[in-house]
Protein backbone atom coordinates (compact mmCIF):
# COMPACT_ATOMS: atom_id res chain seq x y z
CA MET A 1 46.11 245.24 -45.86
CA GLY A 2 43.34 246.19 -48.30
CA LEU A 3 42.28 244.11 -51.25
CA GLY A 4 43.43 245.05 -54.73
CA TRP A 5 40.69 246.43 -56.95
CA PRO A 6 40.40 243.30 -59.16
CA GLN A 7 39.93 241.05 -56.13
CA ALA A 8 37.55 243.51 -54.51
CA TRP A 9 35.54 243.71 -57.73
CA LEU A 10 35.37 239.94 -58.04
CA LEU A 11 34.29 239.54 -54.42
CA GLY A 12 31.58 242.10 -55.07
CA LEU A 13 29.99 240.06 -57.86
CA PRO A 14 26.47 238.83 -56.99
CA MET A 15 26.23 235.19 -56.00
CA ALA A 16 23.84 234.52 -58.90
CA VAL A 17 26.43 235.74 -61.42
CA VAL A 18 29.18 233.54 -59.98
CA TYR A 19 26.86 230.53 -59.82
CA GLY A 20 25.63 231.10 -63.38
CA SER A 21 29.17 231.45 -64.73
CA LEU A 22 29.73 227.76 -63.99
CA ALA A 23 27.24 227.00 -66.79
CA LEU A 24 29.44 228.98 -69.21
CA PHE A 25 32.51 226.85 -68.49
CA THR A 26 30.52 223.67 -69.07
CA THR A 27 28.68 224.82 -72.19
CA ILE A 28 31.73 225.98 -74.15
CA LEU A 29 33.04 222.42 -73.95
CA HIS A 30 29.87 220.35 -74.22
CA ASN A 31 28.39 221.85 -77.39
CA VAL A 32 31.67 221.38 -79.26
CA PHE A 33 31.86 217.82 -77.93
CA LEU A 34 28.34 217.02 -79.17
CA LEU A 35 29.01 218.41 -82.62
CA TYR A 36 32.40 216.94 -83.40
CA TYR A 37 33.30 213.86 -81.38
CA VAL A 38 31.68 211.36 -83.77
CA ASP A 39 33.09 213.00 -86.89
CA THR A 40 36.54 213.18 -85.30
CA PHE A 41 36.74 209.47 -84.54
CA VAL A 42 35.06 208.34 -87.76
CA SER A 43 36.70 210.70 -90.26
CA VAL A 44 40.00 211.66 -88.62
CA TYR A 45 40.98 208.71 -86.42
CA LYS A 46 39.29 206.13 -88.74
CA ILE A 47 37.71 204.06 -85.98
CA ASN A 48 36.21 200.79 -87.24
CA LYS A 49 32.48 200.16 -87.03
CA ALA A 50 32.67 197.36 -84.44
CA ALA A 51 34.80 199.43 -82.03
CA PHE A 52 32.48 202.40 -82.51
CA TRP A 53 29.36 200.45 -81.57
CA VAL A 54 31.08 198.75 -78.63
CA GLY A 55 32.09 202.16 -77.32
CA GLU A 56 28.60 203.60 -77.79
CA THR A 57 26.99 200.60 -76.07
CA VAL A 58 29.26 200.82 -73.03
CA PHE A 59 28.74 204.58 -72.99
CA LEU A 60 24.96 204.07 -73.00
CA LEU A 61 25.12 201.85 -69.92
CA TRP A 62 27.59 204.09 -68.09
CA ASN A 63 25.63 207.22 -68.99
CA SER A 64 22.45 205.76 -67.47
CA LEU A 65 24.01 204.42 -64.26
CA ASN A 66 26.51 207.08 -63.22
CA ASP A 67 23.92 209.74 -62.26
CA PRO A 68 22.27 207.73 -59.46
CA LEU A 69 25.63 206.19 -58.50
CA PHE A 70 27.36 209.54 -57.97
CA GLY A 71 24.24 211.01 -56.38
CA TRP A 72 24.08 208.14 -53.89
CA LEU A 73 27.77 208.43 -53.02
CA SER A 74 27.36 212.18 -52.53
CA ASP A 75 24.13 212.34 -50.54
CA ARG A 76 23.53 209.02 -48.82
CA GLN A 77 24.60 210.52 -45.48
CA PHE A 78 21.68 212.98 -45.66
CA LEU A 79 18.89 210.40 -45.97
CA SER A 80 18.43 209.37 -42.34
CA SER A 81 15.84 211.13 -40.21
CA GLN A 82 17.03 209.64 -36.87
CA PRO A 83 19.07 211.78 -34.49
CA ARG A 84 22.75 211.16 -34.10
CA SER A 85 24.82 211.92 -31.07
CA GLY A 86 27.83 214.14 -31.42
CA ALA A 87 28.65 216.89 -33.85
CA GLY A 88 27.05 217.13 -37.22
CA LEU A 89 27.55 218.98 -40.42
CA SER A 90 25.93 222.32 -41.16
CA SER A 91 24.20 223.13 -44.42
CA ARG A 92 27.01 225.67 -44.96
CA ALA A 93 29.41 222.73 -44.87
CA VAL A 94 27.27 220.94 -47.47
CA VAL A 95 27.47 223.95 -49.78
CA LEU A 96 31.23 224.18 -49.28
CA ALA A 97 31.60 220.46 -50.00
CA ARG A 98 29.68 220.85 -53.28
CA VAL A 99 31.74 223.89 -54.25
CA ARG A 100 35.00 222.05 -53.52
CA ALA A 101 33.76 219.12 -55.62
CA LEU A 102 33.09 221.50 -58.53
CA GLY A 103 36.57 222.97 -58.07
CA TRP A 104 38.07 219.50 -58.60
CA HIS A 105 35.72 218.01 -61.15
CA GLY A 106 35.49 221.08 -63.41
CA PRO A 107 39.19 221.11 -64.40
CA LEU A 108 39.13 217.30 -64.71
CA LEU A 109 36.18 217.68 -67.12
CA ALA A 110 38.32 220.06 -69.19
CA LEU A 111 41.15 217.50 -69.26
CA ALA A 112 38.74 214.74 -70.30
CA PHE A 113 37.45 217.00 -73.09
CA LEU A 114 41.00 217.63 -74.25
CA ALA A 115 41.68 213.89 -74.45
CA PHE A 116 39.30 213.59 -77.45
CA TRP A 117 41.33 215.73 -79.79
CA VAL A 118 44.84 214.33 -79.22
CA PRO A 119 45.44 210.73 -80.38
CA TRP A 120 47.13 208.82 -77.55
CA ALA A 121 45.83 205.23 -77.90
CA PRO A 122 44.27 202.92 -80.51
CA ALA A 123 41.13 204.62 -81.81
CA GLY A 124 38.66 202.10 -80.35
CA LEU A 125 40.22 202.13 -76.88
CA GLN A 126 40.57 205.91 -76.85
CA PHE A 127 36.96 206.31 -77.94
CA LEU A 128 35.68 204.12 -75.10
CA LEU A 129 37.86 205.64 -72.38
CA CYS A 130 37.28 209.23 -73.48
CA LEU A 131 33.51 208.83 -73.59
CA CYS A 132 33.35 207.26 -70.13
CA LEU A 133 35.78 209.72 -68.52
CA TYR A 134 34.13 212.76 -70.08
CA ASP A 135 30.60 211.67 -69.20
CA GLY A 136 31.64 210.76 -65.66
CA PHE A 137 33.11 214.18 -64.91
CA LEU A 138 30.26 215.93 -66.74
CA THR A 139 27.77 214.05 -64.55
CA LEU A 140 29.64 215.06 -61.37
CA VAL A 141 29.71 218.71 -62.45
CA ASP A 142 26.03 218.75 -63.43
CA LEU A 143 24.88 216.98 -60.25
CA HIS A 144 26.70 219.33 -57.88
CA HIS A 145 25.78 222.41 -59.92
CA HIS A 146 22.08 221.50 -59.93
CA ALA A 147 22.22 220.48 -56.27
CA LEU A 148 23.56 223.93 -55.39
CA LEU A 149 20.45 225.43 -56.98
CA ALA A 150 18.34 223.62 -54.37
CA ASP A 151 20.82 224.27 -51.53
CA LEU A 152 21.44 227.99 -52.13
CA ALA A 153 17.83 229.06 -52.65
CA LEU A 154 14.45 228.07 -51.26
CA SER A 155 11.89 230.41 -52.83
CA ALA A 156 10.80 229.98 -56.45
CA HIS A 157 11.76 233.61 -57.15
CA ASP A 158 15.34 233.13 -55.97
CA ARG A 159 15.74 229.86 -57.86
CA THR A 160 14.48 231.40 -61.10
CA HIS A 161 16.95 234.25 -60.54
CA LEU A 162 19.81 231.77 -60.28
CA ASN A 163 18.53 229.88 -63.32
CA PHE A 164 18.28 233.16 -65.26
CA TYR A 165 22.04 233.65 -65.04
CA CYS A 166 22.64 230.00 -65.94
CA SER A 167 20.67 230.52 -69.15
CA LEU A 168 22.45 233.78 -69.88
CA PHE A 169 25.90 232.25 -69.50
CA SER A 170 24.85 229.10 -71.36
CA ALA A 171 23.81 231.26 -74.32
CA ALA A 172 27.23 232.92 -74.23
CA GLY A 173 28.93 229.52 -74.06
CA SER A 174 27.00 228.33 -77.10
CA LEU A 175 28.87 230.89 -79.20
CA SER A 176 31.75 228.41 -79.22
CA VAL A 177 29.69 226.50 -81.81
CA PHE A 178 29.96 229.42 -84.25
CA ALA A 179 33.68 229.86 -83.58
CA SER A 180 34.32 226.15 -84.15
CA TYR A 181 33.26 226.36 -87.82
CA ALA A 182 36.24 228.62 -88.50
CA PHE A 183 38.69 225.97 -87.26
CA TRP A 184 37.08 222.68 -88.26
CA ASN A 185 39.09 220.95 -90.99
CA LYS A 186 39.34 217.17 -91.16
CA GLU A 187 42.35 217.29 -93.49
CA ASP A 188 44.36 219.68 -91.28
CA PHE A 189 43.32 218.96 -87.70
CA SER A 190 45.98 221.04 -85.94
CA SER A 191 44.06 224.34 -85.93
CA PHE A 192 40.93 222.72 -84.51
CA ARG A 193 43.04 220.92 -81.92
CA ALA A 194 44.57 224.24 -80.84
CA PHE A 195 41.06 225.71 -80.61
CA CYS A 196 39.98 222.86 -78.33
CA VAL A 197 43.08 223.31 -76.15
CA THR A 198 42.13 226.98 -75.75
CA LEU A 199 38.58 226.03 -74.76
CA ALA A 200 39.81 223.43 -72.25
CA VAL A 201 42.30 225.80 -70.59
CA SER A 202 39.68 228.58 -70.40
CA SER A 203 37.12 226.23 -68.90
CA GLY A 204 39.50 224.71 -66.35
CA LEU A 205 40.74 228.10 -65.16
CA GLY A 206 37.17 229.40 -65.09
CA PHE A 207 36.04 226.56 -62.83
CA LEU A 208 38.95 227.19 -60.47
CA GLY A 209 38.25 230.91 -60.31
CA ALA A 210 34.47 230.66 -59.93
CA THR A 211 34.59 228.00 -57.22
CA GLN A 212 37.23 229.97 -55.33
CA LEU A 213 34.95 233.02 -55.43
CA LEU A 214 32.06 230.95 -54.10
CA ARG A 215 34.21 229.63 -51.27
CA TRP A 216 35.35 233.15 -50.36
CA ARG A 217 31.76 234.35 -50.23
CA VAL A 218 30.66 231.46 -48.02
CA GLU A 219 33.60 231.76 -45.64
CA ALA A 220 33.33 235.57 -45.49
CA ALA A 221 29.71 235.26 -44.41
CA ARG A 222 30.71 232.79 -41.69
CA ARG A 223 33.23 235.28 -40.27
CA ASP A 224 30.66 238.09 -40.26
CA PRO A 225 29.75 238.58 -36.56
CA GLY A 226 26.44 240.20 -37.45
CA CYS A 227 25.21 237.18 -39.38
CA SER A 228 23.66 234.22 -37.60
CA GLY A 229 23.66 232.17 -40.75
CA LEU A 230 25.17 232.45 -44.14
CA THR A 231 23.48 235.27 -46.02
CA VAL A 232 24.52 235.54 -49.61
CA ASP A 233 23.45 238.76 -51.30
CA SER A 234 22.79 238.54 -54.99
CA GLY A 235 21.51 241.96 -55.80
CA PRO A 236 18.86 244.39 -54.58
CA GLY A 237 16.18 242.62 -52.62
CA LEU A 238 17.59 239.14 -53.07
CA CYS A 239 19.43 236.93 -50.65
CA TRP A 240 19.87 233.29 -49.78
CA ARG A 241 20.29 232.08 -46.27
CA ILE A 242 22.18 228.92 -45.44
CA THR A 243 21.82 228.24 -41.76
CA GLU A 244 24.02 226.32 -39.39
CA GLU A 245 21.56 223.53 -38.65
CA LEU A 246 23.07 220.16 -37.87
CA LEU A 247 22.64 217.35 -40.33
CA VAL A 248 21.51 214.58 -38.06
CA GLY A 249 21.30 210.93 -38.94
CA SER A 250 23.02 207.85 -37.71
CA GLU A 251 26.40 206.77 -38.91
CA GLU A 252 25.78 203.03 -39.24
CA VAL A 253 22.69 201.47 -37.67
CA ASP A 254 20.04 204.01 -38.62
CA SER A 255 21.30 204.87 -42.09
CA ILE A 256 18.84 204.32 -44.92
CA THR A 257 19.73 201.64 -47.45
CA LEU A 258 19.36 202.06 -51.19
CA GLY A 259 16.34 199.71 -51.18
CA GLN A 260 14.60 201.78 -48.51
CA TYR A 261 15.30 204.96 -50.44
CA LEU A 262 13.86 203.46 -53.64
CA ARG A 263 10.72 202.44 -51.74
CA GLN A 264 10.40 206.01 -50.49
CA LEU A 265 10.65 207.27 -54.07
CA ALA A 266 8.06 204.72 -55.18
CA ARG A 267 5.63 206.30 -52.70
CA HIS A 268 6.49 209.83 -53.87
CA ARG A 269 3.53 210.35 -56.21
CA ASN A 270 4.65 213.67 -57.74
CA PHE A 271 8.12 212.26 -58.43
CA LEU A 272 6.60 209.37 -60.41
CA TRP A 273 4.36 211.66 -62.47
CA PHE A 274 7.24 214.06 -63.10
CA VAL A 275 9.73 211.46 -64.35
CA SER A 276 7.03 210.02 -66.64
CA MET A 277 6.49 213.43 -68.19
CA ASP A 278 10.22 214.17 -68.29
CA LEU A 279 10.92 210.89 -70.07
CA VAL A 280 8.67 212.05 -72.91
CA GLN A 281 10.34 215.48 -72.86
CA VAL A 282 13.87 214.05 -73.03
CA PHE A 283 12.74 211.83 -75.90
CA HIS A 284 11.34 214.84 -77.78
CA CYS A 285 14.41 217.01 -77.15
CA HIS A 286 16.77 214.37 -78.54
CA PHE A 287 14.40 213.52 -81.38
CA ASN A 288 14.62 217.16 -82.49
CA SER A 289 18.41 217.17 -82.14
CA ASN A 290 18.88 213.88 -84.02
CA PHE A 291 16.54 214.66 -86.91
CA PHE A 292 17.03 218.43 -87.24
CA PRO A 293 19.55 218.05 -90.13
CA LEU A 294 17.30 215.47 -91.80
CA PHE A 295 14.30 217.80 -91.71
CA LEU A 296 16.38 220.66 -93.09
CA GLU A 297 17.67 218.47 -95.90
CA HIS A 298 14.44 216.95 -97.13
CA LEU A 299 12.01 219.74 -96.34
CA LEU A 300 14.04 222.92 -96.92
CA SER A 301 17.31 222.10 -98.70
CA ASP A 302 15.94 223.17 -102.10
CA HIS A 303 15.17 226.62 -100.72
CA ILE A 304 18.10 227.43 -98.40
CA SER A 305 21.86 227.42 -98.94
CA LEU A 306 24.39 225.30 -97.06
CA SER A 307 25.68 228.36 -95.19
CA THR A 308 22.13 229.22 -94.12
CA GLY A 309 21.69 225.67 -92.87
CA SER A 310 24.91 225.91 -90.86
CA ILE A 311 23.74 229.17 -89.30
CA LEU A 312 20.40 227.59 -88.43
CA LEU A 313 22.20 224.71 -86.74
CA GLY A 314 24.29 227.12 -84.68
CA LEU A 315 21.30 229.28 -83.76
CA SER A 316 19.42 226.19 -82.64
CA TYR A 317 21.99 225.85 -79.83
CA VAL A 318 21.92 229.52 -78.78
CA ALA A 319 18.26 230.50 -79.16
CA PRO A 320 16.86 228.12 -76.47
CA HIS A 321 19.04 229.75 -73.81
CA LEU A 322 18.03 233.27 -74.84
CA ASN A 323 14.37 232.30 -75.09
CA ASN A 324 14.62 230.73 -71.65
CA LEU A 325 15.37 234.16 -70.16
CA TYR A 326 11.83 235.21 -71.11
CA PHE A 327 10.34 231.96 -69.86
CA LEU A 328 12.00 232.49 -66.48
CA SER A 329 10.44 235.94 -66.19
CA LEU A 330 7.06 234.29 -66.82
CA CYS A 331 7.87 231.71 -64.14
CA ARG A 332 8.36 234.45 -61.56
CA ARG A 333 4.90 235.80 -62.37
CA TRP A 334 2.81 232.70 -63.05
CA GLY A 335 4.83 229.81 -61.59
CA VAL A 336 6.76 227.05 -63.32
CA TYR A 337 3.77 224.68 -63.49
CA ALA A 338 1.63 227.11 -65.47
CA VAL A 339 4.45 228.08 -67.85
CA VAL A 340 5.32 224.45 -68.61
CA ARG A 341 1.64 223.64 -69.19
CA GLY A 342 1.41 226.64 -71.52
CA LEU A 343 4.42 225.42 -73.50
CA PHE A 344 2.80 222.00 -73.93
CA LEU A 345 -0.37 223.66 -75.22
CA LEU A 346 1.69 225.85 -77.55
CA LYS A 347 3.52 222.80 -78.89
CA LEU A 348 0.22 221.06 -79.56
CA GLY A 349 -1.33 224.11 -81.21
CA LEU A 350 1.61 224.85 -83.51
CA SER A 351 1.88 221.19 -84.53
CA LEU A 352 -1.82 220.98 -85.40
CA LEU A 353 -1.57 224.23 -87.38
CA MET A 354 1.43 222.89 -89.30
CA LEU A 355 -0.36 219.60 -89.97
CA LEU A 356 -3.35 221.45 -91.44
CA ALA A 357 -1.15 223.80 -93.49
CA GLY A 358 0.89 221.01 -95.08
CA PRO A 359 4.55 220.87 -96.19
CA ASP A 360 4.24 223.40 -99.02
CA HIS A 361 3.96 226.52 -96.82
CA LEU A 362 7.71 227.00 -96.62
CA GLY A 363 7.75 230.10 -94.43
CA LEU A 364 5.52 228.48 -91.84
CA LEU A 365 7.49 225.23 -92.14
CA CYS A 366 10.81 226.98 -91.48
CA LEU A 367 9.33 228.81 -88.49
CA PHE A 368 7.87 225.59 -87.11
CA ILE A 369 11.13 223.61 -87.40
CA ALA A 370 13.01 226.35 -85.56
CA SER A 371 10.37 227.08 -82.90
CA ASN A 372 9.74 223.40 -82.22
CA ARG A 373 13.38 222.89 -81.23
CA VAL A 374 13.66 226.17 -79.32
CA PHE A 375 10.50 225.68 -77.24
CA THR A 376 11.26 222.02 -76.56
CA GLU A 377 14.79 222.77 -75.36
CA GLY A 378 13.47 225.69 -73.31
CA THR A 379 11.01 223.40 -71.54
CA CYS A 380 13.82 220.97 -70.69
CA LYS A 381 15.76 223.76 -69.01
CA LEU A 382 12.77 224.91 -66.95
CA LEU A 383 12.25 221.43 -65.53
CA THR A 384 15.37 221.82 -63.35
CA LEU A 385 13.27 224.18 -61.21
CA VAL A 386 10.59 221.51 -60.82
CA VAL A 387 13.21 219.01 -59.60
CA THR A 388 14.32 221.49 -56.92
CA ASP A 389 10.69 221.64 -55.73
CA LEU A 390 10.63 217.84 -55.64
CA VAL A 391 13.78 217.98 -53.49
CA ASP A 392 11.85 220.14 -51.00
CA GLU A 393 8.86 217.79 -51.02
CA ASP A 394 11.11 214.75 -50.57
CA LEU A 395 12.73 216.38 -47.54
CA VAL A 396 9.35 217.19 -45.96
CA LEU A 397 7.63 213.87 -46.76
CA ASN A 398 10.50 211.74 -45.43
CA HIS A 399 11.53 214.06 -42.55
CA ARG A 400 15.11 214.30 -43.76
CA LYS A 401 17.53 216.52 -41.90
CA GLN A 402 19.12 217.74 -45.15
CA ALA A 403 17.90 217.76 -48.73
CA ALA A 404 19.44 214.95 -50.78
CA SER A 405 19.41 217.15 -53.87
CA ALA A 406 22.22 215.56 -55.89
CA LEU A 407 20.76 212.09 -55.33
CA LEU A 408 17.27 213.12 -56.48
CA PHE A 409 18.69 214.74 -59.62
CA GLY A 410 20.55 211.49 -60.26
CA MET A 411 17.41 209.38 -59.85
CA VAL A 412 15.52 211.63 -62.28
CA ALA A 413 18.32 211.15 -64.81
CA LEU A 414 18.27 207.37 -64.32
CA VAL A 415 14.60 207.17 -65.33
CA THR A 416 14.64 209.76 -68.12
CA LYS A 417 17.93 209.12 -69.93
CA PRO A 418 16.57 206.10 -71.86
CA GLY A 419 14.64 208.72 -73.82
CA GLN A 420 17.95 209.67 -75.44
CA THR A 421 18.24 206.16 -76.86
CA PHE A 422 14.59 205.75 -77.84
CA ALA A 423 14.60 208.97 -79.90
CA PRO A 424 16.85 207.88 -82.82
CA LEU A 425 15.64 204.26 -82.68
CA LEU A 426 11.93 205.08 -82.81
CA GLY A 427 12.42 207.91 -85.29
CA THR A 428 14.33 205.80 -87.83
CA TRP A 429 11.85 202.91 -87.38
CA LEU A 430 8.85 205.17 -87.99
CA LEU A 431 10.46 206.66 -91.09
CA CYS A 432 11.29 203.21 -92.43
CA PHE A 433 7.82 201.88 -91.60
CA TYR A 434 6.04 204.74 -93.35
CA THR A 435 8.30 205.28 -96.39
CA GLY A 436 10.28 202.04 -96.67
CA HIS A 437 13.46 204.15 -96.53
CA ASP A 438 16.22 202.82 -94.23
CA LEU A 439 18.63 205.53 -93.08
CA PHE A 440 21.30 202.91 -92.36
CA GLN A 441 21.37 201.65 -95.94
CA GLN A 442 22.64 204.90 -97.46
CA SER A 443 24.12 207.99 -95.84
CA LEU A 444 21.73 210.87 -96.39
CA ILE A 445 23.39 213.22 -93.96
CA THR A 446 26.83 213.63 -92.54
CA PRO A 447 27.42 214.43 -88.87
CA VAL A 448 26.26 217.85 -87.82
CA GLY A 449 29.80 219.01 -87.21
CA SER A 450 30.87 218.39 -90.77
CA ALA A 451 31.92 221.27 -92.93
CA HIS A 452 29.02 220.30 -95.23
CA PRO A 453 26.01 219.52 -92.99
CA TRP A 454 24.18 217.69 -95.77
CA PRO A 455 25.58 216.66 -99.17
CA GLU A 456 23.58 216.61 -102.32
CA PRO A 457 21.71 213.27 -102.23
CA PRO A 458 21.64 211.09 -105.30
CA ALA A 459 18.71 211.85 -107.55
CA PRO A 460 15.83 209.69 -106.29
CA ALA A 461 13.28 208.02 -108.46
CA PRO A 462 10.43 210.43 -109.29
CA ALA A 463 7.85 208.27 -107.53
CA ARG A 464 9.96 207.95 -104.36
CA ALA A 465 11.01 211.55 -103.68
CA PRO A 466 7.57 212.85 -102.60
CA THR A 467 7.09 209.83 -100.31
CA LEU A 468 10.31 210.48 -98.39
CA ARG A 469 9.56 214.19 -98.09
CA GLN A 470 6.03 213.45 -96.94
CA GLY A 471 7.33 210.92 -94.41
CA CYS A 472 9.71 213.50 -92.94
CA PHE A 473 6.86 216.02 -92.72
CA TYR A 474 4.51 213.68 -90.87
CA LEU A 475 7.34 212.62 -88.57
CA LEU A 476 8.02 216.30 -87.89
CA VAL A 477 4.44 217.12 -86.85
CA LEU A 478 2.97 213.90 -85.45
CA VAL A 479 5.73 213.26 -82.90
CA PRO A 480 5.18 216.67 -81.19
CA ILE A 481 1.39 216.16 -81.25
CA THR A 482 1.72 212.76 -79.58
CA CYS A 483 4.25 214.01 -77.02
CA ALA A 484 2.14 217.07 -76.19
CA LEU A 485 -1.03 215.01 -75.60
CA LEU A 486 0.81 212.57 -73.34
CA GLN A 487 2.51 215.36 -71.40
CA LEU A 488 -0.68 217.37 -70.91
CA PHE A 489 -2.38 214.32 -69.38
CA ILE A 490 0.58 213.45 -67.13
CA TRP A 491 1.15 217.07 -66.10
CA SER A 492 -2.50 217.38 -65.05
CA GLN A 493 -1.80 214.70 -62.42
CA PHE A 494 1.17 216.61 -60.95
CA THR A 495 0.02 218.40 -57.78
CA LEU A 496 3.19 220.14 -56.54
CA HIS A 497 2.07 223.65 -57.43
CA GLY A 498 -0.11 226.38 -56.03
CA ARG A 499 -1.24 225.85 -52.44
CA ARG A 500 0.56 222.52 -52.01
CA LEU A 501 3.87 223.98 -53.15
CA HIS A 502 3.49 226.90 -50.73
CA MET A 503 2.78 224.44 -47.90
CA VAL A 504 5.91 222.40 -48.75
CA LYS A 505 8.07 225.55 -48.86
CA ALA A 506 6.68 226.72 -45.53
CA GLN A 507 7.27 223.35 -43.88
CA ARG A 508 10.84 223.22 -45.13
CA GLN A 509 11.44 226.74 -43.85
CA ASN A 510 9.96 225.78 -40.48
CA LEU A 511 12.16 222.67 -40.30
CA SER A 512 15.23 224.78 -41.02
CA GLN A 513 14.33 227.31 -38.36
CA ALA A 514 13.53 224.60 -35.80
CA GLN A 515 16.84 222.86 -36.40
CA THR A 516 18.70 226.16 -36.03
CA GLN A 517 16.89 226.84 -32.76
CA ASP A 518 17.82 223.37 -31.47
CA VAL A 519 21.49 224.05 -32.20
CA LYS A 520 21.34 227.39 -30.36
CA MET A 521 19.75 225.70 -27.31
CA VAL A 522 22.51 223.09 -27.25
């Protein structure tokens, strides 16, 4: 019996499109969560200050620890390099396991998102449980989604192709930010709640459909008698091959402990340089996100309207994804290392130009505020490709039988996520140190998701107003200059590019082919 045309059309979608669509179903939820969850609990549910800070503190600890925890639980069986007797898993089975995990965790992420907008417990308890549940399922989805990038593709060209569709669908998912403004109303929350229910249902069904398509493609390739491995076509001239090599490694005696794995990472020189650079990058990304409304208020609010500010906030979520499409095309031509280095140099050059021009060149200032956020976020998204290369190098250096991709992504997150906390703390301290102005003493800005992104501040004393504006300007330009200088030095020490990267790719390909040959001989 033939397939109906909708099912046949869906099965004919390129693998890269199906893989990238998973980013859409995450993004439509996460951007709305980031914009509104604080305002919802503070302004709608009236959470008290003590409960809010307890929830944020527990969330900070959980957010830092769950990445390596879930990565270890997922990939610890892949760490051993010693042969095991008996049957093993194939890398096709690993891909299927990750896809099945996404099929479960994606809808659960949608349910956890939905739990924010319906009061079902005391505000403090609901805040704590919702944050931990949502971040836990988001971490599981992100880990398996990123791990698939390393498992489905080996060459840099194929990985950038997959990442291209992730950026494209992420840009489409960011449009939910614009739609949310039409429904946000703290006095009448029902319309916004209905909007969030629609997003959650769409995301949950999307995860189910996309993961089912991925499973069909993998299983269809296995049944193809003319295919010795799993060949996944993604368009003209592109394919990914997932072979049937056995994942060998002992069950009990020869398994690697967490301490041994950490010692291996401590000897992985490129990993250490990368996480040092990425810590600075995560800090800068979240610094821009945290202080973007503040910079708009004190540097541009006299020259732009509130509606223009709201549009700028929305565009700041969409533009990095669209800009990343161009960056990925550059990566195919010049390599990720060169593009990232170029972005660091561009950040340094623009910041120095803005410092020399001063805060009174409003056109240049507006362009700098926007481009600083767009380029910084774009760099963050490119670094996923570097982590996949580190996964390859880790496999080759430690003679693993299967790449522990989810675990390595989790360890990168463990080291770099403190940058999220340092950004607001260091930023507010620097502003207070330079201007004497404490942001916690009076509310200069409301949460970004508010209907009015920044209210009219009380008229400051004539002698104080220029000082605060000048402090914001120097904070705006000196932080990128410092970050760029640090990152250029650290990035110069990173050697996984050029000839070394080609050698690592070739060795991983040889290992895969050798393991497949061993299975055929058996």
